Amino acid sequence: MDRPDLETEYRRRLEFCKDTAKIQNSTSYYENPILSDFASMYGVNGRTRVQIHQGIDIIGDANEDIIAIANGIVLETAIANCVGPTLVIDHGKSFDNKRLITLYSHVGDFLVKEGDLVKRGDAVAKLPEKVEFPCMARVRHLHLQIGQKYCEKEEKNTWGCQFFIKDLYSSLNPHNYWAKGTDKITCFDKNAEYPEGTITYPMLCKKIKLNK
């Protein structure tokens, strides 16, 4: 070490980290973990954000399916310079009459095309094999964000429409719209029925359940 006088402190901290660290991969949890939650000031890589997070970031495996959170229509599939491949789906109105214009960003292959109708639980994209766009922060994950004001294609690159939605920095909190209620993450079950205007998790919950 460059600072032998700090070796004892270093060893103590290292042992603490070993004892308390949790495995952060998608196979260790019932549902894929959210590493950066709505309104968090920390990104998936642990670094401080410039802006308050307007979505939820969910880690997963290469080529893992991303599924529709509700019925809807595909508005756009595009590859943006920073966030990479992004799917925009209009999921209609929420139970409290808010539009659910949803961004599925940092994806790999698209499994749907613009104009397609999708049902809750349909596979719409896959997580990428390679993490190659800057805004992915070197961590494979899905960024899910729900806005209300879609930027039509003819509006792109005009004032207030530099991205896919106009309310990029004032988006809805997904945790308010889970089918089981606020803050109750709801996994998709093909045999279940869900209230209109609610959402389910954008990845299948088929992982091992540990420490829950």
C-alpha atoms as a PDB file:
ATOM      1  CA  MET A   1       0.000   0.000   0.000  1.00  0.00           C
ATOM      2  CA  ASP A   2       1.065   3.599  -0.566  1.00  0.00           C
ATOM      3  CA  ARG A   3      -0.050   4.415   2.984  1.00  0.00           C
ATOM      4  CA  PRO A   4       1.051   1.618   5.362  1.00  0.00           C
ATOM      5  CA  ASP A   5      -0.343   3.634   8.262  1.00  0.00           C
ATOM      6  CA  LEU A   6      -3.849   3.125   6.844  1.00  0.00           C
ATOM      7  CA  GLU A   7      -3.553  -0.602   6.257  1.00  0.00           C
ATOM      8  CA  THR A   8      -5.397  -1.573   9.438  1.00  0.00           C
ATOM      9  CA  GLU A   9      -8.304   0.710   8.557  1.00  0.00           C
ATOM     10  CA  TYR A  10      -8.327  -0.620   5.007  1.00  0.00           C
ATOM     11  CA  ARG A  11      -8.426  -4.243   6.171  1.00  0.00           C
ATOM     12  CA  ARG A  12     -11.231  -3.497   8.608  1.00  0.00           C
ATOM     13  CA  ARG A  13     -13.322  -1.818   5.912  1.00  0.00           C
ATOM     14  CA  LEU A  14     -12.616  -4.632   3.459  1.00  0.00           C
ATOM     15  CA  GLU A  15     -13.834  -7.262   5.907  1.00  0.00           C
ATOM     16  CA  PHE A  16     -16.939  -5.181   6.624  1.00  0.00           C
ATOM     17  CA  CYS A  17     -17.723  -5.004   2.909  1.00  0.00           C
ATOM     18  CA  LYS A  18     -17.249  -8.751   2.499  1.00  0.00           C
ATOM     19  CA  ASP A  19     -19.602  -9.454   5.395  1.00  0.00           C
ATOM     20  CA  THR A  20     -22.349  -7.064   4.334  1.00  0.00           C
ATOM     21  CA  ALA A  21     -22.206  -7.074   0.536  1.00  0.00           C
ATOM     22  CA  LYS A  22     -25.176  -8.439  -1.366  1.00  0.00           C
ATOM     23  CA  ILE A  23     -24.998 -10.154  -4.726  1.00  0.00           C
ATOM     24  CA  GLN A  24     -26.308  -7.642  -7.242  1.00  0.00           C
ATOM     25  CA  ASN A  25     -27.345  -9.818 -10.161  1.00  0.00           C
ATOM     26  CA  SER A  26     -30.739 -10.697 -11.497  1.00  0.00           C
ATOM     27  CA  THR A  27     -30.615 -14.400 -10.559  1.00  0.00           C
ATOM     28  CA  SER A  28     -30.419 -13.701  -6.823  1.00  0.00           C
ATOM     29  CA  TYR A  29     -33.825 -12.060  -6.488  1.00  0.00           C
ATOM     30  CA  TYR A  30     -37.474 -12.853  -7.108  1.00  0.00           C
ATOM     31  CA  GLU A  31     -37.754  -9.856  -9.417  1.00  0.00           C
ATOM     32  CA  ASN A  32     -34.863  -8.173 -11.213  1.00  0.00           C
ATOM     33  CA  PRO A  33     -33.488  -5.551  -8.794  1.00  0.00           C
ATOM     34  CA  ILE A  34     -34.028  -1.829  -9.230  1.00  0.00           C
ATOM     35  CA  LEU A  35     -30.540  -0.366  -8.796  1.00  0.00           C
ATOM     36  CA  SER A  36     -31.531   3.258  -9.300  1.00  0.00           C
ATOM     37  CA  ASP A  37     -35.054   4.120  -8.218  1.00  0.00           C
ATOM     38  CA  PHE A  38     -37.393   6.969  -9.086  1.00  0.00           C
ATOM     39  CA  ALA A  39     -36.182  10.300  -7.629  1.00  0.00           C
ATOM     40  CA  SER A  40     -32.775   8.833  -6.751  1.00  0.00           C
ATOM     41  CA  MET A  41     -29.708  11.043  -7.039  1.00  0.00           C
ATOM     42  CA  TYR A  42     -27.513   7.995  -7.652  1.00  0.00           C
ATOM     43  CA  GLY A  43     -27.099   6.080 -10.889  1.00  0.00           C
ATOM     44  CA  VAL A  44     -26.725   2.348 -11.461  1.00  0.00           C
ATOM     45  CA  ASN A  45     -22.962   2.745 -11.136  1.00  0.00           C
ATOM     46  CA  GLY A  46     -23.296   4.424  -7.738  1.00  0.00           C
ATOM     47  CA  ARG A  47     -22.255   7.837  -8.971  1.00  0.00           C
ATOM     48  CA  THR A  48     -24.170  11.021  -8.225  1.00  0.00           C
ATOM     49  CA  ARG A  49     -26.592  12.154 -10.907  1.00  0.00           C
ATOM     50  CA  VAL A  50     -26.810  15.649 -12.345  1.00  0.00           C
ATOM     51  CA  GLN A  51     -30.628  15.499 -12.299  1.00  0.00           C
ATOM     52  CA  ILE A  52     -33.098  13.649 -10.081  1.00  0.00           C
ATOM     53  CA  HIS A  53     -33.894  10.299 -11.671  1.00  0.00           C
ATOM     54  CA  GLN A  54     -37.181  10.286 -13.543  1.00  0.00           C
ATOM     55  CA  GLY A  55     -37.565   6.547 -13.963  1.00  0.00           C
ATOM     56  CA  ILE A  56     -36.479   3.202 -12.571  1.00  0.00           C
ATOM     57  CA  ASP A  57     -33.341   1.313 -13.641  1.00  0.00           C
ATOM     58  CA  ILE A  58     -33.636  -2.479 -13.547  1.00  0.00           C
ATOM     59  CA  ILE A  59     -30.651  -4.771 -14.101  1.00  0.00           C
ATOM     60  CA  GLY A  60     -30.859  -8.012 -16.031  1.00  0.00           C
ATOM     61  CA  ASP A  61     -29.052 -10.539 -18.187  1.00  0.00           C
ATOM     62  CA  ALA A  62     -27.990 -10.309 -21.814  1.00  0.00           C
ATOM     63  CA  ASN A  63     -30.898 -11.018 -24.167  1.00  0.00           C
ATOM     64  CA  GLU A  64     -33.399 -11.166 -21.304  1.00  0.00           C
ATOM     65  CA  ASP A  65     -36.931 -10.344 -22.427  1.00  0.00           C
ATOM     66  CA  ILE A  66     -38.461  -6.976 -21.612  1.00  0.00           C
ATOM     67  CA  ILE A  67     -42.245  -7.198 -21.438  1.00  0.00           C
ATOM     68  CA  ALA A  68     -45.031  -4.656 -21.848  1.00  0.00           C
ATOM     69  CA  ILE A  69     -46.257  -3.190 -18.561  1.00  0.00           C
ATOM     70  CA  ALA A  70     -49.814  -2.838 -19.927  1.00  0.00           C
ATOM     71  CA  ASN A  71     -51.769  -2.992 -23.174  1.00  0.00           C
ATOM     72  CA  GLY A  72     -50.772  -0.341 -25.672  1.00  0.00           C
ATOM     73  CA  ILE A  73     -49.542   0.761 -29.085  1.00  0.00           C
ATOM     74  CA  VAL A  74     -45.926   1.198 -30.160  1.00  0.00           C
ATOM     75  CA  LEU A  75     -45.322   4.846 -31.027  1.00  0.00           C
ATOM     76  CA  GLU A  76     -41.632   4.737 -31.846  1.00  0.00           C
ATOM     77  CA  THR A  77     -38.484   2.631 -31.999  1.00  0.00           C
ATOM     78  CA  ALA A  78     -35.269   4.601 -32.267  1.00  0.00           C
ATOM     79  CA  ILE A  79     -31.585   4.607 -31.388  1.00  0.00           C
ATOM     80  CA  ALA A  80     -30.553   7.760 -29.523  1.00  0.00           C
ATOM     81  CA  ASN A  81     -26.934   8.872 -29.257  1.00  0.00           C
ATOM     82  CA  CYS A  82     -26.602   8.564 -25.479  1.00  0.00           C
ATOM     83  CA  VAL A  83     -29.344   6.235 -24.237  1.00  0.00           C
ATOM     84  CA  GLY A  84     -29.168   3.851 -27.178  1.00  0.00           C
ATOM     85  CA  PRO A  85     -32.138   1.833 -28.468  1.00  0.00           C
ATOM     86  CA  THR A  86     -35.413   3.113 -27.027  1.00  0.00           C
ATOM     87  CA  LEU A  87     -38.955   1.871 -27.407  1.00  0.00           C
ATOM     88  CA  VAL A  88     -41.885   4.234 -26.807  1.00  0.00           C
ATOM     89  CA  ILE A  89     -45.292   2.728 -26.052  1.00  0.00           C
ATOM     90  CA  ASP A  90     -48.566   4.522 -25.377  1.00  0.00           C
ATOM     91  CA  HIS A  91     -50.234   2.486 -22.638  1.00  0.00           C
ATOM     92  CA  GLY A  92     -53.368   4.602 -22.604  1.00  0.00           C
ATOM     93  CA  LYS A  93     -54.750   6.247 -19.473  1.00  0.00           C
ATOM     94  CA  SER A  94     -53.968   5.403 -15.865  1.00  0.00           C
ATOM     95  CA  PHE A  95     -56.656   4.845 -13.238  1.00  0.00           C
ATOM     96  CA  ASP A  96     -56.239   8.505 -12.239  1.00  0.00           C
ATOM     97  CA  ASN A  97     -56.573   9.672 -15.850  1.00  0.00           C
ATOM     98  CA  LYS A  98     -52.879  10.282 -16.589  1.00  0.00           C
ATOM     99  CA  ARG A  99     -51.412   9.312 -19.937  1.00  0.00           C
ATOM    100  CA  LEU A 100     -48.888   6.496 -19.713  1.00  0.00           C
ATOM    101  CA  ILE A 101     -46.361   7.277 -22.447  1.00  0.00           C
ATOM    102  CA  THR A 102     -43.625   4.839 -21.505  1.00  0.00           C
ATOM    103  CA  LEU A 103     -39.958   4.790 -22.492  1.00  0.00           C
ATOM    104  CA  TYR A 104     -38.110   1.485 -22.476  1.00  0.00           C
ATOM    105  CA  SER A 105     -34.504   2.648 -22.890  1.00  0.00           C
ATOM    106  CA  HIS A 106     -31.053   0.987 -23.087  1.00  0.00           C
ATOM    107  CA  VAL A 107     -32.545  -2.071 -24.784  1.00  0.00           C
ATOM    108  CA  GLY A 108     -30.960  -4.366 -27.366  1.00  0.00           C
ATOM    109  CA  ASP A 109     -33.097  -5.926 -30.083  1.00  0.00           C
ATOM    110  CA  PHE A 110     -36.603  -4.613 -30.708  1.00  0.00           C
ATOM    111  CA  LEU A 111     -39.242  -7.347 -30.895  1.00  0.00           C
ATOM    112  CA  VAL A 112     -42.011  -5.030 -32.098  1.00  0.00           C
ATOM    113  CA  LYS A 113     -42.289  -2.262 -34.666  1.00  0.00           C
ATOM    114  CA  GLU A 114     -43.989   1.118 -34.780  1.00  0.00           C
ATOM    115  CA  GLY A 115     -47.765   0.810 -34.962  1.00  0.00           C
ATOM    116  CA  ASP A 116     -47.917  -2.634 -33.371  1.00  0.00           C
ATOM    117  CA  LEU A 117     -50.547  -3.296 -30.726  1.00  0.00           C
ATOM    118  CA  VAL A 118     -49.154  -5.012 -27.641  1.00  0.00           C
ATOM    119  CA  LYS A 119     -50.749  -6.732 -24.687  1.00  0.00           C
ATOM    120  CA  ARG A 120     -49.567  -6.679 -21.103  1.00  0.00           C
ATOM    121  CA  GLY A 121     -46.806  -9.277 -20.756  1.00  0.00           C
ATOM    122  CA  ASP A 122     -45.853  -9.381 -24.449  1.00  0.00           C
ATOM    123  CA  ALA A 123     -42.101  -9.444 -25.090  1.00  0.00           C
ATOM    124  CA  VAL A 124     -41.317  -6.106 -26.749  1.00  0.00           C
ATOM    125  CA  ALA A 125     -37.503  -5.979 -26.626  1.00  0.00           C
ATOM    126  CA  LYS A 126     -34.438  -7.655 -25.173  1.00  0.00           C
ATOM    127  CA  LEU A 127     -31.662  -6.402 -22.959  1.00  0.00           C
ATOM    128  CA  PRO A 128     -28.458  -5.881 -24.966  1.00  0.00           C
ATOM    129  CA  GLU A 129     -25.492  -8.216 -25.138  1.00  0.00           C
ATOM    130  CA  LYS A 130     -23.067  -5.297 -25.170  1.00  0.00           C
ATOM    131  CA  VAL A 131     -23.252  -2.200 -22.994  1.00  0.00           C
ATOM    132  CA  GLU A 132     -21.969   0.334 -25.470  1.00  0.00           C
ATOM    133  CA  PHE A 133     -23.890   3.604 -25.091  1.00  0.00           C
ATOM    134  CA  PRO A 134     -22.645   6.303 -22.654  1.00  0.00           C
ATOM    135  CA  CYS A 135     -25.899   6.704 -20.706  1.00  0.00           C
ATOM    136  CA  MET A 136     -25.910   3.006 -19.829  1.00  0.00           C
ATOM    137  CA  ALA A 137     -23.108   3.796 -17.356  1.00  0.00           C
ATOM    138  CA  ARG A 138     -21.390   0.480 -18.139  1.00  0.00           C
ATOM    139  CA  VAL A 139     -24.196  -1.469 -16.477  1.00  0.00           C
ATOM    140  CA  ARG A 140     -26.699  -3.539 -18.448  1.00  0.00           C
ATOM    141  CA  HIS A 141     -30.130  -2.356 -17.379  1.00  0.00           C
ATOM    142  CA  LEU A 142     -33.551  -1.215 -18.500  1.00  0.00           C
ATOM    143  CA  HIS A 143     -34.493   2.412 -17.910  1.00  0.00           C
ATOM    144  CA  LEU A 144     -38.282   2.605 -17.595  1.00  0.00           C
ATOM    145  CA  GLN A 145     -39.788   6.092 -17.574  1.00  0.00           C
ATOM    146  CA  ILE A 146     -43.426   7.182 -17.805  1.00  0.00           C
ATOM    147  CA  GLY A 147     -44.309  10.573 -19.231  1.00  0.00           C
ATOM    148  CA  GLN A 148     -47.570  12.090 -20.411  1.00  0.00           C
ATOM    149  CA  LYS A 149     -46.529  14.246 -23.365  1.00  0.00           C
ATOM    150  CA  TYR A 150     -45.086  12.455 -26.377  1.00  0.00           C
ATOM    151  CA  CYS A 151     -42.890  14.380 -28.805  1.00  0.00           C
ATOM    152  CA  GLU A 152     -44.268  13.662 -32.248  1.00  0.00           C
ATOM    153  CA  LYS A 153     -41.622  12.993 -34.877  1.00  0.00           C
ATOM    154  CA  GLU A 154     -42.190  16.330 -36.592  1.00  0.00           C
ATOM    155  CA  GLU A 155     -41.553  18.047 -33.247  1.00  0.00           C
ATOM    156  CA  LYS A 156     -38.197  16.373 -32.650  1.00  0.00           C
ATOM    157  CA  ASN A 157     -35.196  18.647 -32.142  1.00  0.00           C
ATOM    158  CA  THR A 158     -37.410  21.647 -31.460  1.00  0.00           C
ATOM    159  CA  TRP A 159     -37.734  23.535 -28.167  1.00  0.00           C
ATOM    160  CA  GLY A 160     -38.834  21.136 -25.438  1.00  0.00           C
ATOM    161  CA  CYS A 161     -38.579  18.082 -27.688  1.00  0.00           C
ATOM    162  CA  GLN A 162     -34.936  17.101 -27.604  1.00  0.00           C
ATOM    163  CA  PHE A 163     -35.925  13.652 -26.350  1.00  0.00           C
ATOM    164  CA  PHE A 164     -38.943  11.372 -26.719  1.00  0.00           C
ATOM    165  CA  ILE A 165     -41.229  13.134 -24.233  1.00  0.00           C
ATOM    166  CA  LYS A 166     -41.828  16.760 -23.299  1.00  0.00           C
ATOM    167  CA  ASP A 167     -42.054  16.051 -19.574  1.00  0.00           C
ATOM    168  CA  LEU A 168     -38.630  14.432 -19.419  1.00  0.00           C
ATOM    169  CA  TYR A 169     -37.873  16.066 -16.063  1.00  0.00           C
ATOM    170  CA  SER A 170     -41.359  15.853 -14.565  1.00  0.00           C
ATOM    171  CA  SER A 171     -42.357  12.278 -15.273  1.00  0.00           C
ATOM    172  CA  LEU A 172     -44.734  10.040 -13.340  1.00  0.00           C
ATOM    173  CA  ASN A 173     -43.549   7.804 -10.523  1.00  0.00           C
ATOM    174  CA  PRO A 174     -44.087   4.200 -11.717  1.00  0.00           C
ATOM    175  CA  HIS A 175     -44.500   3.036  -8.115  1.00  0.00           C
ATOM    176  CA  ASN A 176     -47.852   4.845  -7.962  1.00  0.00           C
ATOM    177  CA  TYR A 177     -49.345   2.621 -10.655  1.00  0.00           C
ATOM    178  CA  TRP A 178     -48.578  -0.988  -9.757  1.00  0.00           C
ATOM    179  CA  ALA A 179     -51.622  -3.236 -10.135  1.00  0.00           C
ATOM    180  CA  LYS A 180     -51.491  -4.297  -6.470  1.00  0.00           C
ATOM    181  CA  GLY A 181     -51.253  -0.728  -5.218  1.00  0.00           C
ATOM    182  CA  THR A 182     -48.745   2.029  -4.543  1.00  0.00           C
ATOM    183  CA  ASP A 183     -45.203   0.769  -3.928  1.00  0.00           C
ATOM    184  CA  LYS A 184     -46.337  -2.849  -4.357  1.00  0.00           C
ATOM    185  CA  ILE A 185     -44.317  -4.138  -7.297  1.00  0.00           C
ATOM    186  CA  THR A 186     -46.602  -6.426  -9.271  1.00  0.00           C
ATOM    187  CA  CYS A 187     -45.133  -9.276 -11.299  1.00  0.00           C
ATOM    188  CA  PHE A 188     -46.911 -10.298 -14.486  1.00  0.00           C
ATOM    189  CA  ASP A 189     -48.899 -13.523 -14.334  1.00  0.00           C
ATOM    190  CA  LYS A 190     -50.521 -14.651 -17.568  1.00  0.00           C
ATOM    191  CA  ASN A 191     -53.343 -16.251 -15.594  1.00  0.00           C
ATOM    192  CA  ALA A 192     -54.172 -13.142 -13.576  1.00  0.00           C
ATOM    193  CA  GLU A 193     -56.477 -10.225 -14.332  1.00  0.00           C
ATOM    194  CA  TYR A 194     -55.369  -6.674 -13.654  1.00  0.00           C
ATOM    195  CA  PRO A 195     -57.280  -3.418 -13.147  1.00  0.00           C
ATOM    196  CA  GLU A 196     -57.321  -1.058 -16.100  1.00  0.00           C
ATOM    197  CA  GLY A 197     -54.890   1.819 -15.821  1.00  0.00           C
ATOM    198  CA  THR A 198     -52.317  -0.093 -13.777  1.00  0.00           C
ATOM    199  CA  ILE A 199     -48.911  -1.525 -14.638  1.00  0.00           C
ATOM    200  CA  THR A 200     -46.944  -4.708 -14.022  1.00  0.00           C
ATOM    201  CA  TYR A 201     -43.186  -5.305 -13.857  1.00  0.00           C
ATOM    202  CA  PRO A 202     -41.351  -5.025 -17.201  1.00  0.00           C
ATOM    203  CA  MET A 203     -39.480  -8.320 -16.703  1.00  0.00           C
ATOM    204  CA  LEU A 204     -40.724 -11.766 -15.798  1.00  0.00           C
ATOM    205  CA  CYS A 205     -40.360 -12.646 -12.123  1.00  0.00           C
ATOM    206  CA  LYS A 206     -38.971 -16.143 -12.243  1.00  0.00           C
ATOM    207  CA  LYS A 207     -35.814 -15.672 -10.196  1.00  0.00           C
ATOM    208  CA  ILE A 208     -34.746 -17.360  -6.979  1.00  0.00           C
ATOM    209  CA  LYS A 209     -36.208 -15.574  -3.973  1.00  0.00           C
ATOM    210  CA  LEU A 210     -33.564 -14.781  -1.353  1.00  0.00           C
ATOM    211  CA  ASN A 211     -33.655 -12.670   1.809  1.00  0.00           C
ATOM    212  CA  LYS A 212     -37.159 -11.379   1.168  1.00  0.00           C
END
